[in-house]
Amino acid sequence: MAISTLKLTTEMKAGFRTEVACGKPFVIDQPNPMGSNEGPNPLEVFLSALGGCICAIGRIIANQEKLDVRSIRVAIEGDLDKNFLLGTTTEGRAGFTEIRARVEVDADMTPEEKAAFVDRIEKRCPIADNMVHGTTIRTQVV
């Protein structure tokens, strides 16, 4: 087993601006009027990670299997109780209760071949794996 450790840092700045230091630094923010709308909010980043991973793993598999996949488009939506995350209720949970991904594969494949291709993607997508299976989060306060 080849284990790699990915590292990045996030730092809260003024308002809701959070700067992410990684291979391609970016900003996470909140829309106006709470934030300054300088970047996606954390929930959008979370969902976009799933779509990005599906596309990337799809490309890896297409290359490995020499499949002519012209494009993959993923439309994602998720349901959550904003009252919980805003602290106005203690009932329920903060996270998404359901996430739905609609994957469109542009390739000369039958519907059955596309479904099997997407199934292989889902099995190898680390973001989907982390969403479906519990992953330990260890927080250290310094």
N, C-alpha and C. Protein backbone atom coordinates (compact mmCIF):
# COMPACT_ATOMS: atom_id res chain seq x y z
N MET A 1 0.85 -1.18 0.00
CA MET A 1 0.00 0.00 0.00
C MET A 1 0.90 1.24 0.00
N ALA A 2 0.64 2.16 -0.93
CA ALA A 2 1.41 3.40 -1.05
C ALA A 2 0.61 4.55 -0.44
N ILE A 3 0.93 4.91 0.78
CA ILE A 3 0.23 5.99 1.47
C ILE A 3 0.94 7.31 1.19
N SER A 4 0.18 8.31 0.78
CA SER A 4 0.70 9.67 0.60
C SER A 4 -0.03 10.58 1.58
N THR A 5 0.65 11.59 2.05
CA THR A 5 0.02 12.57 2.92
C THR A 5 -0.09 13.89 2.17
N LEU A 6 -1.32 14.36 2.00
CA LEU A 6 -1.55 15.67 1.38
C LEU A 6 -1.63 16.70 2.49
N LYS A 7 -1.04 17.85 2.26
CA LYS A 7 -1.04 18.90 3.27
C LYS A 7 -1.46 20.22 2.65
N LEU A 8 -2.22 20.99 3.42
CA LEU A 8 -2.57 22.36 3.06
C LEU A 8 -2.89 23.10 4.35
N THR A 9 -2.98 24.40 4.26
CA THR A 9 -3.38 25.20 5.42
C THR A 9 -4.50 26.14 5.01
N THR A 10 -5.34 26.45 5.98
CA THR A 10 -6.38 27.46 5.79
C THR A 10 -6.21 28.49 6.89
N GLU A 11 -6.46 29.74 6.56
CA GLU A 11 -6.32 30.80 7.55
C GLU A 11 -7.46 31.80 7.40
N MET A 12 -8.19 32.00 8.52
CA MET A 12 -9.27 32.97 8.53
C MET A 12 -8.67 34.37 8.54
N LYS A 13 -9.19 35.20 7.66
CA LYS A 13 -8.78 36.61 7.57
C LYS A 13 -9.97 37.46 7.98
N ALA A 14 -10.04 38.69 7.48
CA ALA A 14 -11.14 39.60 7.83
C ALA A 14 -12.47 39.04 7.35
N GLY A 15 -13.50 39.25 8.14
CA GLY A 15 -14.83 38.79 7.77
C GLY A 15 -14.86 37.28 7.67
N PHE A 16 -15.40 36.77 6.58
CA PHE A 16 -15.49 35.32 6.36
C PHE A 16 -14.44 34.82 5.37
N ARG A 17 -13.51 35.69 4.97
CA ARG A 17 -12.48 35.30 4.01
C ARG A 17 -11.54 34.27 4.65
N THR A 18 -11.38 33.14 3.98
CA THR A 18 -10.44 32.10 4.40
C THR A 18 -9.50 31.84 3.24
N GLU A 19 -8.21 31.98 3.49
CA GLU A 19 -7.22 31.74 2.44
C GLU A 19 -6.72 30.31 2.56
N VAL A 20 -6.71 29.63 1.44
CA VAL A 20 -6.26 28.24 1.37
C VAL A 20 -4.90 28.23 0.70
N ALA A 21 -3.89 27.74 1.43
CA ALA A 21 -2.54 27.62 0.88
C ALA A 21 -2.32 26.16 0.49
N CYS A 22 -2.22 25.94 -0.83
CA CYS A 22 -2.03 24.60 -1.37
C CYS A 22 -1.34 24.75 -2.72
N GLY A 23 -1.32 23.71 -3.51
CA GLY A 23 -0.68 23.79 -4.83
C GLY A 23 -1.20 24.92 -5.68
N LYS A 24 -2.49 25.19 -5.61
CA LYS A 24 -3.13 26.32 -6.31
C LYS A 24 -3.93 27.09 -5.27
N PRO A 25 -3.32 28.07 -4.60
CA PRO A 25 -4.02 28.80 -3.53
C PRO A 25 -5.34 29.41 -4.02
N PHE A 26 -6.32 29.43 -3.13
CA PHE A 26 -7.61 30.04 -3.45
C PHE A 26 -8.25 30.56 -2.18
N VAL A 27 -9.38 31.25 -2.36
CA VAL A 27 -10.10 31.88 -1.26
C VAL A 27 -11.47 31.23 -1.11
N ILE A 28 -11.82 30.95 0.13
CA ILE A 28 -13.17 30.51 0.48
C ILE A 28 -13.82 31.69 1.18
N ASP A 29 -15.07 31.97 0.86
CA ASP A 29 -15.74 33.14 1.44
C ASP A 29 -17.23 32.85 1.57
N GLN A 30 -17.98 33.82 1.95
CA GLN A 30 -19.43 33.76 2.00
C GLN A 30 -19.97 34.85 1.09
N PRO A 31 -21.17 34.66 0.57
CA PRO A 31 -21.74 35.71 -0.28
C PRO A 31 -22.08 36.96 0.54
N ASN A 32 -22.24 38.07 -0.16
CA ASN A 32 -22.70 39.31 0.49
C ASN A 32 -24.09 39.07 1.06
N PRO A 33 -24.51 39.65 2.13
CA PRO A 33 -23.83 40.68 2.89
C PRO A 33 -22.91 40.14 3.99
N MET A 34 -22.94 38.85 4.30
CA MET A 34 -22.08 38.33 5.37
C MET A 34 -20.61 38.40 4.98
N GLY A 35 -20.27 37.91 3.81
CA GLY A 35 -18.90 37.90 3.34
C GLY A 35 -18.69 38.92 2.26
N SER A 36 -17.59 38.78 1.56
CA SER A 36 -17.30 39.71 0.47
C SER A 36 -17.39 39.01 -0.89
N ASN A 37 -17.87 37.76 -0.90
CA ASN A 37 -18.14 37.03 -2.14
C ASN A 37 -16.89 36.88 -3.02
N GLU A 38 -15.74 36.66 -2.38
CA GLU A 38 -14.48 36.54 -3.12
C GLU A 38 -14.17 35.12 -3.56
N GLY A 39 -15.00 34.18 -3.16
CA GLY A 39 -14.77 32.80 -3.55
C GLY A 39 -15.96 31.95 -3.17
N PRO A 40 -15.91 30.66 -3.50
CA PRO A 40 -17.01 29.78 -3.12
C PRO A 40 -17.07 29.62 -1.61
N ASN A 41 -18.25 29.25 -1.10
CA ASN A 41 -18.35 28.99 0.33
C ASN A 41 -17.88 27.58 0.62
N PRO A 42 -17.65 27.22 1.88
CA PRO A 42 -17.12 25.88 2.19
C PRO A 42 -17.99 24.74 1.67
N LEU A 43 -19.29 24.90 1.67
CA LEU A 43 -20.17 23.84 1.18
C LEU A 43 -20.00 23.64 -0.32
N GLU A 44 -19.84 24.74 -1.05
CA GLU A 44 -19.60 24.64 -2.49
C GLU A 44 -18.25 23.98 -2.78
N VAL A 45 -17.25 24.30 -1.96
CA VAL A 45 -15.93 23.67 -2.13
C VAL A 45 -16.05 22.17 -1.91
N PHE A 46 -16.78 21.79 -0.86
CA PHE A 46 -16.98 20.37 -0.54
C PHE A 46 -17.63 19.63 -1.69
N LEU A 47 -18.75 20.17 -2.20
CA LEU A 47 -19.45 19.50 -3.29
C LEU A 47 -18.62 19.53 -4.58
N SER A 48 -17.93 20.63 -4.83
CA SER A 48 -17.12 20.70 -6.06
C SER A 48 -15.96 19.72 -6.01
N ALA A 49 -15.47 19.39 -4.82
CA ALA A 49 -14.42 18.38 -4.70
C ALA A 49 -14.91 17.04 -5.22
N LEU A 50 -16.16 16.71 -4.95
CA LEU A 50 -16.72 15.46 -5.47
C LEU A 50 -16.78 15.48 -6.99
N GLY A 51 -17.32 16.56 -7.55
CA GLY A 51 -17.40 16.66 -9.01
C GLY A 51 -16.03 16.64 -9.66
N GLY A 52 -15.09 17.37 -9.08
CA GLY A 52 -13.73 17.40 -9.62
C GLY A 52 -13.07 16.04 -9.57
N CYS A 53 -13.31 15.32 -8.48
CA CYS A 53 -12.73 13.99 -8.33
C CYS A 53 -13.33 13.01 -9.33
N ILE A 54 -14.64 13.07 -9.51
CA ILE A 54 -15.28 12.19 -10.50
C ILE A 54 -14.69 12.45 -11.88
N CYS A 55 -14.51 13.71 -12.25
CA CYS A 55 -13.92 14.04 -13.55
C CYS A 55 -12.48 13.55 -13.66
N ALA A 56 -11.68 13.78 -12.61
CA ALA A 56 -10.27 13.38 -12.65
C ALA A 56 -10.10 11.87 -12.69
N ILE A 57 -10.83 11.15 -11.84
CA ILE A 57 -10.73 9.69 -11.85
C ILE A 57 -11.28 9.14 -13.16
N GLY A 58 -12.32 9.78 -13.70
CA GLY A 58 -12.84 9.38 -15.00
C GLY A 58 -11.78 9.49 -16.08
N ARG A 59 -11.02 10.58 -16.06
CA ARG A 59 -9.95 10.76 -17.05
C ARG A 59 -8.85 9.71 -16.84
N ILE A 60 -8.49 9.44 -15.60
CA ILE A 60 -7.46 8.42 -15.33
C ILE A 60 -7.90 7.07 -15.89
N ILE A 61 -9.14 6.67 -15.58
CA ILE A 61 -9.63 5.39 -16.05
C ILE A 61 -9.72 5.36 -17.58
N ALA A 62 -10.22 6.45 -18.16
CA ALA A 62 -10.31 6.52 -19.63
C ALA A 62 -8.93 6.36 -20.26
N ASN A 63 -7.93 7.02 -19.70
CA ASN A 63 -6.57 6.89 -20.23
C ASN A 63 -6.04 5.47 -20.06
N GLN A 64 -6.25 4.90 -18.86
CA GLN A 64 -5.74 3.56 -18.60
C GLN A 64 -6.41 2.51 -19.49
N GLU A 65 -7.70 2.68 -19.74
CA GLU A 65 -8.45 1.71 -20.53
C GLU A 65 -8.54 2.09 -22.01
N LYS A 66 -7.87 3.20 -22.35
CA LYS A 66 -7.86 3.69 -23.73
C LYS A 66 -9.28 3.90 -24.28
N LEU A 67 -10.09 4.56 -23.46
CA LEU A 67 -11.47 4.88 -23.83
C LEU A 67 -11.51 6.30 -24.38
N ASP A 68 -12.25 6.52 -25.43
CA ASP A 68 -12.37 7.85 -26.02
C ASP A 68 -13.50 8.60 -25.31
N VAL A 69 -13.20 9.12 -24.13
CA VAL A 69 -14.17 9.91 -23.37
C VAL A 69 -13.88 11.38 -23.68
N ARG A 70 -14.83 12.02 -24.34
CA ARG A 70 -14.64 13.41 -24.74
C ARG A 70 -14.81 14.36 -23.57
N SER A 71 -15.79 14.08 -22.72
CA SER A 71 -15.98 14.93 -21.54
C SER A 71 -16.85 14.21 -20.52
N ILE A 72 -16.75 14.71 -19.30
CA ILE A 72 -17.62 14.27 -18.21
C ILE A 72 -18.13 15.54 -17.55
N ARG A 73 -19.43 15.61 -17.38
CA ARG A 73 -20.06 16.76 -16.71
C ARG A 73 -20.81 16.22 -15.50
N VAL A 74 -20.57 16.84 -14.34
CA VAL A 74 -21.20 16.39 -13.11
C VAL A 74 -22.01 17.54 -12.52
N ALA A 75 -23.30 17.34 -12.37
CA ALA A 75 -24.18 18.31 -11.70
C ALA A 75 -24.46 17.74 -10.31
N ILE A 76 -24.15 18.52 -9.30
CA ILE A 76 -24.27 18.04 -7.92
C ILE A 76 -25.18 18.95 -7.13
N GLU A 77 -25.99 18.33 -6.28
CA GLU A 77 -26.80 19.09 -5.33
C GLU A 77 -26.83 18.33 -4.02
N GLY A 78 -26.95 19.08 -2.94
CA GLY A 78 -26.98 18.47 -1.62
C GLY A 78 -27.98 19.17 -0.73
N ASP A 79 -28.58 18.40 0.16
CA ASP A 79 -29.58 18.92 1.10
C ASP A 79 -28.99 19.01 2.49
N LEU A 80 -29.18 20.15 3.15
CA LEU A 80 -28.74 20.29 4.52
C LEU A 80 -29.64 21.24 5.28
N ASP A 81 -29.60 21.13 6.60
CA ASP A 81 -30.40 21.96 7.48
C ASP A 81 -29.55 23.14 7.94
N LYS A 82 -29.75 24.29 7.31
CA LYS A 82 -28.96 25.47 7.65
C LYS A 82 -29.23 25.96 9.07
N ASN A 83 -30.42 25.66 9.61
CA ASN A 83 -30.70 26.07 10.99
C ASN A 83 -29.73 25.42 11.97
N PHE A 84 -29.33 24.18 11.71
CA PHE A 84 -28.39 23.51 12.60
C PHE A 84 -27.02 24.18 12.54
N LEU A 85 -26.52 24.42 11.35
CA LEU A 85 -25.18 25.01 11.25
C LEU A 85 -25.16 26.45 11.75
N LEU A 86 -26.29 27.14 11.69
CA LEU A 86 -26.36 28.50 12.21
C LEU A 86 -26.62 28.54 13.71
N GLY A 87 -26.86 27.36 14.31
CA GLY A 87 -27.04 27.29 15.75
C GLY A 87 -28.43 27.61 16.24
N THR A 88 -29.42 27.67 15.37
CA THR A 88 -30.78 27.99 15.83
C THR A 88 -31.57 26.75 16.23
N THR A 89 -30.97 25.56 16.03
CA THR A 89 -31.56 24.32 16.52
C THR A 89 -30.45 23.34 16.86
N THR A 90 -30.75 22.42 17.74
CA THR A 90 -29.79 21.36 18.07
C THR A 90 -30.29 20.02 17.54
N GLU A 91 -31.42 20.03 16.87
CA GLU A 91 -31.98 18.82 16.29
C GLU A 91 -31.39 18.62 14.90
N GLY A 92 -31.07 17.38 14.56
CA GLY A 92 -30.55 17.08 13.23
C GLY A 92 -29.04 17.02 13.22
N ARG A 93 -28.47 17.45 12.12
CA ARG A 93 -27.01 17.42 11.96
C ARG A 93 -26.56 18.57 11.08
N ALA A 94 -25.27 18.88 11.13
CA ALA A 94 -24.72 20.00 10.37
C ALA A 94 -24.47 19.65 8.91
N GLY A 95 -24.20 18.39 8.64
CA GLY A 95 -23.80 17.99 7.29
C GLY A 95 -24.96 17.74 6.36
N PHE A 96 -24.59 17.44 5.12
CA PHE A 96 -25.59 17.12 4.11
C PHE A 96 -26.31 15.83 4.49
N THR A 97 -27.63 15.83 4.33
CA THR A 97 -28.40 14.62 4.58
C THR A 97 -28.48 13.75 3.33
N GLU A 98 -28.31 14.37 2.17
CA GLU A 98 -28.24 13.63 0.91
C GLU A 98 -27.48 14.46 -0.11
N ILE A 99 -26.66 13.79 -0.89
CA ILE A 99 -25.94 14.41 -2.00
C ILE A 99 -26.29 13.62 -3.26
N ARG A 100 -26.66 14.35 -4.30
CA ARG A 100 -27.01 13.72 -5.57
C ARG A 100 -26.06 14.21 -6.67
N ALA A 101 -25.52 13.28 -7.42
CA ALA A 101 -24.62 13.62 -8.52
C ALA A 101 -25.21 13.06 -9.82
N ARG A 102 -25.37 13.92 -10.80
CA ARG A 102 -25.84 13.51 -12.13
C ARG A 102 -24.63 13.57 -13.05
N VAL A 103 -24.17 12.42 -13.50
CA VAL A 103 -22.94 12.33 -14.29
C VAL A 103 -23.29 12.08 -15.75
N GLU A 104 -22.86 13.01 -16.61
CA GLU A 104 -23.05 12.89 -18.06
C GLU A 104 -21.71 12.56 -18.70
N VAL A 105 -21.65 11.44 -19.36
CA VAL A 105 -20.41 11.00 -20.03
C VAL A 105 -20.60 11.17 -21.53
N ASP A 106 -19.74 11.98 -22.14
CA ASP A 106 -19.77 12.16 -23.59
C ASP A 106 -18.75 11.20 -24.19
N ALA A 107 -19.24 10.05 -24.64
CA ALA A 107 -18.39 9.02 -25.22
C ALA A 107 -19.26 8.10 -26.06
N ASP A 108 -18.64 7.41 -26.98
CA ASP A 108 -19.36 6.44 -27.80
C ASP A 108 -19.49 5.14 -27.00
N MET A 109 -20.41 5.15 -26.05
CA MET A 109 -20.67 4.01 -25.18
C MET A 109 -22.17 3.79 -25.10
N THR A 110 -22.57 2.57 -24.86
CA THR A 110 -23.98 2.29 -24.60
C THR A 110 -24.31 2.81 -23.21
N PRO A 111 -25.58 2.97 -22.90
CA PRO A 111 -25.95 3.37 -21.53
C PRO A 111 -25.39 2.41 -20.47
N GLU A 112 -25.36 1.12 -20.77
CA GLU A 112 -24.82 0.13 -19.83
C GLU A 112 -23.32 0.32 -19.64
N GLU A 113 -22.60 0.61 -20.72
CA GLU A 113 -21.15 0.85 -20.63
C GLU A 113 -20.86 2.12 -19.83
N LYS A 114 -21.68 3.15 -20.05
CA LYS A 114 -21.50 4.39 -19.28
C LYS A 114 -21.75 4.14 -17.80
N ALA A 115 -22.79 3.38 -17.47
CA ALA A 115 -23.10 3.08 -16.07
C ALA A 115 -21.96 2.30 -15.43
N ALA A 116 -21.40 1.35 -16.14
CA ALA A 116 -20.28 0.57 -15.61
C ALA A 116 -19.04 1.45 -15.43
N PHE A 117 -18.82 2.36 -16.37
CA PHE A 117 -17.69 3.30 -16.29
C PHE A 117 -17.83 4.18 -15.05
N VAL A 118 -19.01 4.74 -14.85
CA VAL A 118 -19.24 5.60 -13.68
C VAL A 118 -19.12 4.79 -12.39
N ASP A 119 -19.54 3.55 -12.39
CA ASP A 119 -19.39 2.69 -11.22
C ASP A 119 -17.90 2.50 -10.89
N ARG A 120 -17.07 2.30 -11.90
CA ARG A 120 -15.62 2.18 -11.66
C ARG A 120 -15.05 3.49 -11.12
N ILE A 121 -15.56 4.61 -11.62
CA ILE A 121 -15.12 5.91 -11.12
C ILE A 121 -15.46 6.04 -9.64
N GLU A 122 -16.71 5.76 -9.29
CA GLU A 122 -17.15 5.91 -7.90
C GLU A 122 -16.32 5.06 -6.94
N LYS A 123 -15.96 3.86 -7.37
CA LYS A 123 -15.17 2.96 -6.51
C LYS A 123 -13.77 3.51 -6.25
N ARG A 124 -13.22 4.28 -7.20
CA ARG A 124 -11.84 4.76 -7.08
C ARG A 124 -11.75 6.22 -6.66
N CYS A 125 -12.87 6.90 -6.53
CA CYS A 125 -12.86 8.33 -6.18
C CYS A 125 -12.64 8.52 -4.68
N PRO A 126 -11.50 9.08 -4.26
CA PRO A 126 -11.25 9.23 -2.84
C PRO A 126 -12.22 10.18 -2.14
N ILE A 127 -12.73 11.18 -2.85
CA ILE A 127 -13.69 12.09 -2.22
C ILE A 127 -14.99 11.36 -1.93
N ALA A 128 -15.50 10.61 -2.90
CA ALA A 128 -16.71 9.82 -2.66
C ALA A 128 -16.48 8.82 -1.54
N ASP A 129 -15.32 8.20 -1.53
CA ASP A 129 -15.00 7.23 -0.48
C ASP A 129 -15.06 7.89 0.90
N ASN A 130 -14.50 9.09 1.02
CA ASN A 130 -14.52 9.79 2.30
C ASN A 130 -15.93 10.21 2.70
N MET A 131 -16.77 10.50 1.71
CA MET A 131 -18.15 10.88 2.01
C MET A 131 -18.97 9.68 2.47
N VAL A 132 -18.71 8.52 1.88
CA VAL A 132 -19.51 7.34 2.15
C VAL A 132 -19.03 6.60 3.40
N HIS A 133 -17.73 6.55 3.60
CA HIS A 133 -17.16 5.81 4.72
C HIS A 133 -16.60 6.78 5.76
N GLY A 134 -16.77 6.44 7.00
CA GLY A 134 -16.24 7.30 8.06
C GLY A 134 -14.73 7.38 8.00
N THR A 135 -14.21 8.56 7.98
CA THR A 135 -12.77 8.79 8.02
C THR A 135 -12.47 9.54 9.32
N THR A 136 -11.48 9.07 10.04
CA THR A 136 -11.12 9.70 11.30
C THR A 136 -10.58 11.10 11.06
N ILE A 137 -11.09 12.05 11.80
CA ILE A 137 -10.58 13.42 11.79
C ILE A 137 -9.97 13.68 13.16
N ARG A 138 -8.70 13.96 13.20
CA ARG A 138 -8.01 14.24 14.46
C ARG A 138 -7.69 15.72 14.51
N THR A 139 -8.30 16.41 15.44
CA THR A 139 -8.08 17.85 15.60
C THR A 139 -7.19 18.08 16.79
N GLN A 140 -6.15 18.88 16.61
CA GLN A 140 -5.22 19.23 17.68
C GLN A 140 -5.30 20.73 17.91
N VAL A 141 -5.61 21.12 19.11
CA VAL A 141 -5.69 22.54 19.45
C VAL A 141 -4.32 22.97 19.98
N VAL A 142 -3.78 24.04 19.38
CA VAL A 142 -2.44 24.53 19.79
C VAL A 142 -2.51 25.96 20.23
